[in-house]
Each structure stands twice: as structure tokens, then as C-alpha cells.
C-alpha atoms as a PDB file:
ATOM      1  CA  UNK A   1      39.329 -27.583 -79.178  1.00  0.00           C
ATOM      2  CA  UNK A   2      39.670 -26.236 -75.626  1.00  0.00           C
ATOM      3  CA  UNK A   3      38.790 -22.798 -76.908  1.00  0.00           C
ATOM      4  CA  UNK A   4      35.528 -23.996 -78.452  1.00  0.00           C
ATOM      5  CA  UNK A   5      34.655 -25.947 -75.318  1.00  0.00           C
ATOM      6  CA  UNK A   6      34.934 -22.722 -73.376  1.00  0.00           C
ATOM      7  CA  UNK A   7      32.797 -20.950 -75.956  1.00  0.00           C
ATOM      8  CA  UNK A   8      30.085 -23.627 -75.661  1.00  0.00           C
ATOM      9  CA  UNK A   9      30.271 -23.435 -71.860  1.00  0.00           C
ATOM     10  CA  UNK A  10      29.841 -19.685 -71.954  1.00  0.00           C
ATOM     11  CA  UNK A  11      26.983 -20.105 -74.434  1.00  0.00           C
ATOM     12  CA  UNK A  12      25.182 -22.492 -72.054  1.00  0.00           C
ATOM     13  CA  UNK A  13      25.593 -20.055 -69.162  1.00  0.00           C
ATOM     14  CA  UNK A  14      24.397 -17.276 -71.417  1.00  0.00           C
ATOM     15  CA  UNK A  15      21.229 -19.226 -72.188  1.00  0.00           C
ATOM     16  CA  UNK A  16      20.471 -19.502 -68.472  1.00  0.00           C
ATOM     17  CA  UNK A  17      21.030 -15.773 -68.081  1.00  0.00           C
ATOM     18  CA  UNK A  18      18.665 -15.006 -70.960  1.00  0.00           C
ATOM     19  CA  UNK A  19      15.984 -17.173 -69.323  1.00  0.00           C
ATOM     20  CA  UNK A  20      16.308 -15.305 -66.019  1.00  0.00           C
ATOM     21  CA  UNK A  21      16.429 -11.924 -67.744  1.00  0.00           C
ATOM     22  CA  UNK A  22      13.300 -12.792 -69.722  1.00  0.00           C
ATOM     23  CA  UNK A  23      11.460 -13.697 -66.499  1.00  0.00           C
ATOM     24  CA  UNK A  24      12.570 -10.456 -64.818  1.00  0.00           C
ATOM     25  CA  UNK A  25      11.676  -8.462 -67.911  1.00  0.00           C
ATOM     26  CA  UNK A  26       8.149  -9.886 -67.891  1.00  0.00           C
ATOM     27  CA  UNK A  27       7.710  -8.823 -64.261  1.00  0.00           C
ATOM     28  CA  UNK A  28       8.946  -5.317 -65.095  1.00  0.00           C
ATOM     29  CA  UNK A  29       6.706  -5.100 -68.169  1.00  0.00           C
ATOM     30  CA  UNK A  30       3.643  -6.220 -66.201  1.00  0.00           C
ATOM     31  CA  UNK A  31       4.189  -3.419 -63.682  1.00  0.00           C
ATOM     32  CA  UNK A  32       5.608  -0.829 -66.078  1.00  0.00           C
ATOM     33  CA  UNK A  33       2.844   1.714 -65.377  1.00  0.00           C
ATOM     34  CA  UNK A  34       3.341   1.711 -61.620  1.00  0.00           C
ATOM     35  CA  UNK A  35       5.155   4.606 -59.995  1.00  0.00           C
ATOM     36  CA  UNK A  36       7.139   4.350 -56.750  1.00  0.00           C
ATOM     37  CA  UNK A  37       4.093   4.884 -54.509  1.00  0.00           C
ATOM     38  CA  UNK A  38       2.064   2.291 -56.412  1.00  0.00           C
ATOM     39  CA  UNK A  39       4.889  -0.241 -56.256  1.00  0.00           C
ATOM     40  CA  UNK A  40       5.144   0.245 -52.497  1.00  0.00           C
ATOM     41  CA  UNK A  41       1.399  -0.245 -52.133  1.00  0.00           C
ATOM     42  CA  UNK A  42       0.905  -3.190 -54.503  1.00  0.00           C
ATOM     43  CA  UNK A  43       4.108  -5.204 -54.910  1.00  0.00           C
ATOM     44  CA  UNK A  44       6.327  -7.410 -52.806  1.00  0.00           C
ATOM     45  CA  UNK A  45       9.892  -6.368 -52.014  1.00  0.00           C
ATOM     46  CA  UNK A  46      11.362  -8.685 -54.654  1.00  0.00           C
ATOM     47  CA  UNK A  47       8.916  -7.772 -57.425  1.00  0.00           C
ATOM     48  CA  UNK A  48       9.328  -4.053 -56.744  1.00  0.00           C
ATOM     49  CA  UNK A  49      13.084  -4.378 -56.959  1.00  0.00           C
ATOM     50  CA  UNK A  50      12.840  -6.293 -60.246  1.00  0.00           C
ATOM     51  CA  UNK A  51      10.429  -3.687 -61.612  1.00  0.00           C
ATOM     52  CA  UNK A  52      12.982  -0.955 -60.817  1.00  0.00           C
ATOM     53  CA  UNK A  53      16.121  -2.655 -62.078  1.00  0.00           C
ATOM     54  CA  UNK A  54      15.148  -5.006 -64.908  1.00  0.00           C
ATOM     55  CA  UNK A  55      14.482  -2.331 -67.583  1.00  0.00           C
ATOM     56  CA  UNK A  56      18.045  -1.000 -67.258  1.00  0.00           C
ATOM     57  CA  UNK A  57      19.446  -4.529 -67.232  1.00  0.00           C
ATOM     58  CA  UNK A  58      17.554  -5.487 -70.400  1.00  0.00           C
ATOM     59  CA  UNK A  59      18.801  -2.397 -72.218  1.00  0.00           C
ATOM     60  CA  UNK A  60      22.346  -3.088 -71.024  1.00  0.00           C
ATOM     61  CA  UNK A  61      22.554  -6.474 -72.797  1.00  0.00           C
ATOM     62  CA  UNK A  62      20.030  -5.918 -75.580  1.00  0.00           C
ATOM     63  CA  UNK A  63      22.756  -5.773 -78.218  1.00  0.00           C
ATOM     64  CA  UNK A  64      24.061  -9.166 -77.080  1.00  0.00           C
ATOM     65  CA  UNK A  65      20.760 -10.968 -76.579  1.00  0.00           C
ATOM     66  CA  UNK A  66      19.590  -9.936 -80.079  1.00  0.00           C
ATOM     67  CA  UNK A  67      23.008 -10.287 -81.670  1.00  0.00           C
ATOM     68  CA  UNK A  68      22.512 -10.269 -85.477  1.00  0.00           C
ATOM     69  CA  UNK A  69      25.870 -11.916 -86.195  1.00  0.00           C
ATOM     70  CA  UNK A  70      25.566 -15.478 -87.525  1.00  0.00           C
ATOM     71  CA  UNK A  71      27.335 -18.419 -85.837  1.00  0.00           C
ATOM     72  CA  UNK A  72      30.089 -18.782 -84.919  1.00  0.00           C
ATOM     73  CA  UNK A  73      30.652 -15.001 -84.637  1.00  0.00           C
ATOM     74  CA  UNK A  74      27.726 -14.612 -82.257  1.00  0.00           C
ATOM     75  CA  UNK A  75      29.216 -17.243 -79.928  1.00  0.00           C
ATOM     76  CA  UNK A  76      32.544 -15.428 -80.006  1.00  0.00           C
ATOM     77  CA  UNK A  77      30.816 -12.207 -78.897  1.00  0.00           C
ATOM     78  CA  UNK A  78      29.263 -14.094 -75.980  1.00  0.00           C
ATOM     79  CA  UNK A  79      32.640 -15.524 -74.994  1.00  0.00           C
ATOM     80  CA  UNK A  80      34.247 -12.086 -75.146  1.00  0.00           C
ATOM     81  CA  UNK A  81      31.499 -10.613 -72.973  1.00  0.00           C
ATOM     82  CA  UNK A  82      32.286 -13.202 -70.293  1.00  0.00           C
ATOM     83  CA  UNK A  83      35.857 -11.914 -70.183  1.00  0.00           C
ATOM     84  CA  UNK A  84      34.429  -8.571 -68.972  1.00  0.00           C
ATOM     85  CA  UNK A  85      31.279  -9.722 -67.158  1.00  0.00           C
ATOM     86  CA  UNK A  86      30.900  -6.746 -64.852  1.00  0.00           C
ATOM     87  CA  UNK A  87      30.788  -4.159 -67.607  1.00  0.00           C
ATOM     88  CA  UNK A  88      29.285  -6.145 -70.482  1.00  0.00           C
ATOM     89  CA  UNK A  89      26.727  -8.393 -68.774  1.00  0.00           C
ATOM     90  CA  UNK A  90      23.754  -7.936 -66.455  1.00  0.00           C
ATOM     91  CA  UNK A  91      23.681  -9.691 -63.043  1.00  0.00           C
ATOM     92  CA  UNK A  92      21.416 -12.452 -64.409  1.00  0.00           C
ATOM     93  CA  UNK A  93      24.403 -13.744 -66.400  1.00  0.00           C
ATOM     94  CA  UNK A  94      26.895 -13.770 -63.526  1.00  0.00           C
ATOM     95  CA  UNK A  95      27.970 -17.045 -61.971  1.00  0.00           C
ATOM     96  CA  UNK A  96      28.343 -17.692 -58.250  1.00  0.00           C
ATOM     97  CA  UNK A  97      32.126 -17.278 -58.298  1.00  0.00           C
ATOM     98  CA  UNK A  98      31.892 -14.038 -60.269  1.00  0.00           C
ATOM     99  CA  UNK A  99      29.297 -12.598 -57.903  1.00  0.00           C
ATOM    100  CA  UNK A 100      31.478 -13.449 -54.922  1.00  0.00           C
ATOM    101  CA  UNK A 101      34.484 -11.808 -56.560  1.00  0.00           C
ATOM    102  CA  UNK A 102      32.486  -8.679 -57.368  1.00  0.00           C
ATOM    103  CA  UNK A 103      31.262  -8.525 -53.770  1.00  0.00           C
ATOM    104  CA  UNK A 104      34.810  -8.749 -52.411  1.00  0.00           C
ATOM    105  CA  UNK A 105      35.934  -6.013 -54.803  1.00  0.00           C
ATOM    106  CA  UNK A 106      33.030  -3.810 -53.747  1.00  0.00           C
ATOM    107  CA  UNK A 107      33.735  -4.507 -50.078  1.00  0.00           C
ATOM    108  CA  UNK A 108      37.279  -3.218 -50.478  1.00  0.00           C
ATOM    109  CA  UNK A 109      35.911  -0.113 -52.189  1.00  0.00           C
ATOM    110  CA  UNK A 110      33.352   0.467 -49.424  1.00  0.00           C
ATOM    111  CA  UNK A 111      35.987   0.003 -46.722  1.00  0.00           C
ATOM    112  CA  UNK A 112      38.302   2.511 -48.406  1.00  0.00           C
ATOM    113  CA  UNK A 113      35.408   4.964 -48.688  1.00  0.00           C
ATOM    114  CA  UNK A 114      34.508   4.596 -44.995  1.00  0.00           C
ATOM    115  CA  UNK A 115      38.138   5.083 -43.988  1.00  0.00           C
ATOM    116  CA  UNK A 116      38.351   8.190 -46.172  1.00  0.00           C
ATOM    117  CA  UNK A 117      35.227   9.721 -44.606  1.00  0.00           C
ATOM    118  CA  UNK A 118      36.150   8.924 -41.018  1.00  0.00           C
ATOM    119  CA  UNK A 119      39.742  10.043 -41.513  1.00  0.00           C
ATOM    120  CA  UNK A 120      38.837  13.235 -43.355  1.00  0.00           C
ATOM    121  CA  UNK A 121      37.395  16.610 -42.334  1.00  0.00           C
ATOM    122  CA  UNK A 122      33.981  15.056 -41.563  1.00  0.00           C
ATOM    123  CA  UNK A 123      35.368  12.482 -39.150  1.00  0.00           C
ATOM    124  CA  UNK A 124      34.774  14.453 -35.958  1.00  0.00           C
ATOM    125  CA  UNK A 125      31.272  15.528 -37.027  1.00  0.00           C
ATOM    126  CA  UNK A 126      30.336  11.938 -37.858  1.00  0.00           C
ATOM    127  CA  UNK A 127      31.631  10.719 -34.505  1.00  0.00           C
ATOM    128  CA  UNK A 128      29.653  13.425 -32.688  1.00  0.00           C
ATOM    129  CA  UNK A 129      26.473  12.578 -34.620  1.00  0.00           C
ATOM    130  CA  UNK A 130      26.614   8.822 -33.944  1.00  0.00           C
ATOM    131  CA  UNK A 131      25.179   8.804 -30.379  1.00  0.00           C
ATOM    132  CA  UNK A 132      22.450  11.285 -31.365  1.00  0.00           C
ATOM    133  CA  UNK A 133      21.450   9.102 -34.303  1.00  0.00           C
ATOM    134  CA  UNK A 134      21.298   6.085 -31.998  1.00  0.00           C
ATOM    135  CA  UNK A 135      18.925   8.050 -29.763  1.00  0.00           C
ATOM    136  CA  UNK A 136      16.813   9.042 -32.787  1.00  0.00           C
ATOM    137  CA  UNK A 137      16.531   5.377 -33.831  1.00  0.00           C
ATOM    138  CA  UNK A 138      15.342   4.471 -30.293  1.00  0.00           C
ATOM    139  CA  UNK A 139      12.793   7.271 -30.312  1.00  0.00           C
ATOM    140  CA  UNK A 140      14.642   9.191 -27.595  1.00  0.00           C
ATOM    141  CA  UNK A 141      15.548  12.185 -29.787  1.00  0.00           C
ATOM    142  CA  UNK A 142      13.773  14.115 -32.509  1.00  0.00           C
ATOM    143  CA  UNK A 143      14.903  13.366 -36.049  1.00  0.00           C
ATOM    144  CA  UNK A 144      13.718  16.668 -37.450  1.00  0.00           C
ATOM    145  CA  UNK A 145      15.680  18.700 -34.905  1.00  0.00           C
ATOM    146  CA  UNK A 146      18.788  16.647 -35.620  1.00  0.00           C
ATOM    147  CA  UNK A 147      18.489  17.170 -39.379  1.00  0.00           C
ATOM    148  CA  UNK A 148      17.947  20.904 -39.003  1.00  0.00           C
ATOM    149  CA  UNK A 149      20.915  21.400 -36.687  1.00  0.00           C
ATOM    150  CA  UNK A 150      23.392  18.964 -38.213  1.00  0.00           C
ATOM    151  CA  UNK A 151      22.550  18.529 -41.904  1.00  0.00           C
ATOM    152  CA  UNK A 152      20.115  21.059 -43.388  1.00  0.00           C
ATOM    153  CA  UNK A 153      21.114  24.367 -41.821  1.00  0.00           C
ATOM    154  CA  UNK A 154      23.641  26.545 -43.694  1.00  0.00           C
ATOM    155  CA  UNK A 155      27.084  25.808 -42.329  1.00  0.00           C
ATOM    156  CA  UNK A 156      25.901  22.679 -40.459  1.00  0.00           C
ATOM    157  CA  UNK A 157      28.736  20.210 -39.790  1.00  0.00           C
ATOM    158  CA  UNK A 158      27.302  17.537 -42.118  1.00  0.00           C
ATOM    159  CA  UNK A 159      25.683  19.786 -44.721  1.00  0.00           C
ATOM    160  CA  UNK A 160      26.247  19.277 -48.434  1.00  0.00           C
ATOM    161  CA  UNK A 161      28.356  22.436 -48.601  1.00  0.00           C
ATOM    162  CA  UNK A 162      30.895  20.904 -46.216  1.00  0.00           C
ATOM    163  CA  UNK A 163      31.680  18.003 -48.516  1.00  0.00           C
ATOM    164  CA  UNK A 164      35.031  18.063 -50.265  1.00  0.00           C
ATOM    165  CA  UNK A 165      35.664  16.435 -53.628  1.00  0.00           C
ATOM    166  CA  UNK A 166      37.135  13.451 -51.771  1.00  0.00           C
ATOM    167  CA  UNK A 167      34.014  13.170 -49.607  1.00  0.00           C
ATOM    168  CA  UNK A 168      31.776  13.182 -52.676  1.00  0.00           C
ATOM    169  CA  UNK A 169      33.881  10.473 -54.300  1.00  0.00           C
ATOM    170  CA  UNK A 170      33.691   8.396 -51.128  1.00  0.00           C
ATOM    171  CA  UNK A 171      29.902   8.754 -50.991  1.00  0.00           C
ATOM    172  CA  UNK A 172      29.633   7.714 -54.624  1.00  0.00           C
ATOM    173  CA  UNK A 173      31.762   4.673 -53.802  1.00  0.00           C
ATOM    174  CA  UNK A 174      29.345   3.738 -51.006  1.00  0.00           C
ATOM    175  CA  UNK A 175      26.298   4.319 -53.188  1.00  0.00           C
ATOM    176  CA  UNK A 176      27.666   2.511 -56.257  1.00  0.00           C
ATOM    177  CA  UNK A 177      30.955   0.647 -55.659  1.00  0.00           C
ATOM    178  CA  UNK A 178      30.985  -0.809 -59.157  1.00  0.00           C
ATOM    179  CA  UNK A 179      30.788   2.569 -60.897  1.00  0.00           C
ATOM    180  CA  UNK A 180      33.702   4.134 -62.756  1.00  0.00           C
ATOM    181  CA  UNK A 181      34.753   6.024 -59.653  1.00  0.00           C
ATOM    182  CA  UNK A 182      34.599   2.985 -57.431  1.00  0.00           C
ATOM    183  CA  UNK A 183      37.659   3.978 -55.465  1.00  0.00           C
ATOM    184  CA  UNK A 184      37.169   6.599 -52.812  1.00  0.00           C
ATOM    185  CA  UNK A 185      40.476   8.073 -53.871  1.00  0.00           C
ATOM    186  CA  UNK A 186      39.299   8.651 -57.414  1.00  0.00           C
ATOM    187  CA  UNK A 187      38.615  12.171 -58.612  1.00  0.00           C
ATOM    188  CA  UNK A 188      35.229  12.190 -60.282  1.00  0.00           C
ATOM    189  CA  UNK A 189      32.888  14.849 -61.547  1.00  0.00           C
ATOM    190  CA  UNK A 190      30.898  16.378 -58.703  1.00  0.00           C
ATOM    191  CA  UNK A 191      27.705  16.398 -60.779  1.00  0.00           C
ATOM    192  CA  UNK A 192      28.154  12.739 -61.666  1.00  0.00           C
ATOM    193  CA  UNK A 193      28.779  11.800 -58.022  1.00  0.00           C
ATOM    194  CA  UNK A 194      25.687  13.742 -56.924  1.00  0.00           C
ATOM    195  CA  UNK A 195      23.515  12.054 -59.565  1.00  0.00           C
ATOM    196  CA  UNK A 196      24.741   8.612 -58.552  1.00  0.00           C
ATOM    197  CA  UNK A 197      24.183   9.281 -54.848  1.00  0.00           C
ATOM    198  CA  UNK A 198      20.739  10.836 -55.433  1.00  0.00           C
ATOM    199  CA  UNK A 199      19.580   7.932 -57.603  1.00  0.00           C
ATOM    200  CA  UNK A 200      20.790   5.367 -55.076  1.00  0.00           C
ATOM    201  CA  UNK A 201      19.125   7.242 -52.200  1.00  0.00           C
ATOM    202  CA  UNK A 202      15.798   7.394 -54.078  1.00  0.00           C
ATOM    203  CA  UNK A 203      16.040   3.660 -54.780  1.00  0.00           C
ATOM    204  CA  UNK A 204      16.672   2.965 -51.091  1.00  0.00           C
ATOM    205  CA  UNK A 205      13.701   5.070 -50.031  1.00  0.00           C
ATOM    206  CA  UNK A 206      11.379   2.784 -51.985  1.00  0.00           C
ATOM    207  CA  UNK A 207      13.304  -0.311 -50.941  1.00  0.00           C
ATOM    208  CA  UNK A 208      13.112   0.635 -47.256  1.00  0.00           C
ATOM    209  CA  UNK A 209       9.337   0.977 -47.457  1.00  0.00           C
ATOM    210  CA  UNK A 210       9.029  -2.702 -48.449  1.00  0.00           C
ATOM    211  CA  UNK A 211      12.032  -4.271 -46.742  1.00  0.00           C
ATOM    212  CA  UNK A 212      10.576  -4.464 -43.228  1.00  0.00           C
ATOM    213  CA  UNK A 213       7.804  -6.857 -44.210  1.00  0.00           C
ATOM    214  CA  UNK A 214      10.193  -9.036 -46.233  1.00  0.00           C
ATOM    215  CA  UNK A 215      13.119  -9.069 -43.802  1.00  0.00           C
ATOM    216  CA  UNK A 216      12.313 -12.370 -42.067  1.00  0.00           C
ATOM    217  CA  UNK A 217      12.150 -14.264 -45.367  1.00  0.00           C
ATOM    218  CA  UNK A 218      15.277 -12.934 -47.069  1.00  0.00           C
ATOM    219  CA  UNK A 219      17.983 -15.400 -48.054  1.00  0.00           C
ATOM    220  CA  UNK A 220      21.580 -15.009 -46.915  1.00  0.00           C
ATOM    221  CA  UNK A 221      22.761 -13.505 -50.213  1.00  0.00           C
ATOM    222  CA  UNK A 222      19.838 -11.067 -50.232  1.00  0.00           C
ATOM    223  CA  UNK A 223      20.595  -9.957 -46.676  1.00  0.00           C
ATOM    224  CA  UNK A 224      24.235  -9.384 -47.510  1.00  0.00           C
ATOM    225  CA  UNK A 225      23.315  -7.447 -50.638  1.00  0.00           C
ATOM    226  CA  UNK A 226      20.751  -5.339 -48.760  1.00  0.00           C
ATOM    227  CA  UNK A 227      23.360  -4.373 -46.183  1.00  0.00           C
ATOM    228  CA  UNK A 228      25.935  -3.574 -48.862  1.00  0.00           C
ATOM    229  CA  UNK A 229      23.499  -1.374 -50.821  1.00  0.00           C
ATOM    230  CA  UNK A 230      23.136   0.723 -47.678  1.00  0.00           C
ATOM    231  CA  UNK A 231      26.880   1.222 -47.380  1.00  0.00           C
ATOM    232  CA  UNK A 232      27.362  -1.235 -44.525  1.00  0.00           C
ATOM    233  CA  UNK A 233      30.600  -3.154 -44.282  1.00  0.00           C
ATOM    234  CA  UNK A 234      30.243  -6.938 -44.161  1.00  0.00           C
ATOM    235  CA  UNK A 235      31.270  -7.378 -40.526  1.00  0.00           C
ATOM    236  CA  UNK A 236      28.260  -9.418 -39.422  1.00  0.00           C
ATOM    237  CA  UNK A 237      28.927 -12.983 -38.224  1.00  0.00           C
ATOM    238  CA  UNK A 238      25.421 -14.335 -38.946  1.00  0.00           C
ATOM    239  CA  UNK A 239      22.303 -13.634 -40.960  1.00  0.00           C
ATOM    240  CA  UNK A 240      20.489 -12.747 -37.746  1.00  0.00           C
ATOM    241  CA  UNK A 241      23.078 -10.021 -37.152  1.00  0.00           C
ATOM    242  CA  UNK A 242      22.430  -8.691 -40.661  1.00  0.00           C
ATOM    243  CA  UNK A 243      18.685  -8.679 -40.033  1.00  0.00           C
ATOM    244  CA  UNK A 244      19.241  -6.774 -36.795  1.00  0.00           C
ATOM    245  CA  UNK A 245      21.443  -4.225 -38.566  1.00  0.00           C
ATOM    246  CA  UNK A 246      18.842  -3.748 -41.299  1.00  0.00           C
ATOM    247  CA  UNK A 247      16.083  -3.396 -38.704  1.00  0.00           C
ATOM    248  CA  UNK A 248      18.101  -0.700 -36.938  1.00  0.00           C
ATOM    249  CA  UNK A 249      18.626   1.028 -40.296  1.00  0.00           C
ATOM    250  CA  UNK A 250      14.879   0.998 -40.966  1.00  0.00           C
ATOM    251  CA  UNK A 251      14.146   2.365 -37.506  1.00  0.00           C
ATOM    252  CA  UNK A 252      16.664   5.172 -37.972  1.00  0.00           C
ATOM    253  CA  UNK A 253      15.631   6.131 -41.500  1.00  0.00           C
ATOM    254  CA  UNK A 254      11.956   5.958 -40.582  1.00  0.00           C
ATOM    255  CA  UNK A 255      12.511   8.359 -37.676  1.00  0.00           C
ATOM    256  CA  UNK A 256      14.574  10.739 -39.823  1.00  0.00           C
ATOM    257  CA  UNK A 257      12.070  10.747 -42.687  1.00  0.00           C
ATOM    258  CA  UNK A 258       9.248  11.502 -40.293  1.00  0.00           C
ATOM    259  CA  UNK A 259      11.277  14.476 -39.099  1.00  0.00           C
ATOM    260  CA  UNK A 260      11.761  15.962 -42.546  1.00  0.00           C
ATOM    261  CA  UNK A 261      13.563  15.592 -45.858  1.00  0.00           C
ATOM    262  CA  UNK A 262      16.704  13.461 -45.647  1.00  0.00           C
ATOM    263  CA  UNK A 263      19.270  14.775 -48.166  1.00  0.00           C
ATOM    264  CA  UNK A 264      20.683  12.035 -50.442  1.00  0.00           C
ATOM    265  CA  UNK A 265      24.262  12.569 -49.290  1.00  0.00           C
ATOM    266  CA  UNK A 266      23.289  12.031 -45.651  1.00  0.00           C
ATOM    267  CA  UNK A 267      21.631   8.690 -46.429  1.00  0.00           C
ATOM    268  CA  UNK A 268      25.118   7.274 -47.033  1.00  0.00           C
ATOM    269  CA  UNK A 269      26.870   9.349 -44.387  1.00  0.00           C
END
């Protein structure tokens, strides 16, 4: 009896997730023909984010939403999926407690990745670059000159060629903590890490273009998520502190992008 009560509870939660996924899918379908530049020009921050992410989320759970198995087997599949919610379900199906647990897990992964980068061969170069980047964000230094000297030039201290396998794993952990190589200590394929980092950096480029106008109206959970997606550790005491950190990020990235191409790996460095 207890088992079937849990199954019915999961089924009710699943119905709510389907409703939210359907709403997000309609937004994505409405704007399916828009490219990144058109989304930046025409959509709000929230709608643009849904348009980017919902198609993958729908495909991820399509087999479960359109489960052909008759009751009660279909309900059993739903219950099983809730035993592995991170891998088998889209975010629309996650409860508040699950989302908080996932965030804590990701925060530990991000912290380990930051420690690995700062304690590794790049540590000194990152420390030396920090005051220059602060000056770039304030408009007191040229972003293009910094990128050329520190990131883009052959043999530059923060160039892609300087990254070790551990550095690439750490960057992947910052870009996508929930991926298979979530731990910065994991050894993952360099090509896979580069793809993950590049995709996350491209997503942030579009997100940054719309975030500034939406920043004042973001909810607490959205602010925390926006900081986390940019590799920031959750060390902010208030939402105002998160908004300030995101504003500083936008100032810095805007100055760097005006100065030239920002390599994906440096977005998370």
C-alpha cells in the first residue's frame, strides 16, 4: 500500500512537470525559427532561455511523457525515473528539495574545480590577471590588449595550449557541474570537455546580452542560478550582492568582447 501511495504521489508530481514542460515547449516552438541574434533582439531574458533549453529538455523525457506502456507499468516507469531524477528527468519535474540538493552537489563540484585551477599550474597567472581584469571592467584598461597578451598569443600564460588535462576537467566542471565529469579530479576526454565548455560559453554570450535588462526583476533562485552558470561560488550574503556580482560580470565580459574574441575556455577562467 505504501509503495502505491508513493507511485501515485510521483504520478501527481509528474503531471505538474508535464504541464510546465508543455508550456515551455510551446514557447520554444513559437520562436523555433529565431537564431541567437533574433532572440536577443526580440525576446525577454526568460523567453530566450526557454527557447534555447526547452527543445533539449523535451527530447530528454519524450520517451517517458509518451510512454506506451499501459497502467500500472507506466506508473512504475514514472516512479523509477524519480529515483534518478537528475539523469532521467528534466528540471520541470524536479521538486524544491531535489533542486536544492542538486545545487549543493554542484556547488561542491564548482568549489573543487576552483581549488584545482588556483592550486595548479595556472594559479599564478590567474592571480596576476585578476587586478588587470578589474581595471578592464572599470574601463581603466583595454580588453583587447589584455586578451592578446594574456590569452590569445602563442605561449600566453592563459592560452588554451597551457591547459593541462586537469585544467580542462576543472573548466568542464565549472561550465557543466552535472555532467559525467562533474568532479574536477575526473579524467575526461579533452574533445568532450572542449565541446561542453564551448557550448556553455556560447549560451552565456546570448544570456549576457539579455541579462542586464532583466537583472532588477530576477527572483532569488534565478539570481543564484545565473551566478552558478557563470562559475561563481555561492558566497553572496544577499540577492543584492548577487546582482552586483552579475553586473560586474556583465561589465567585464562586455569590455572583453568589445576588445576581441573571448575564447570559450577563458570565459570560465
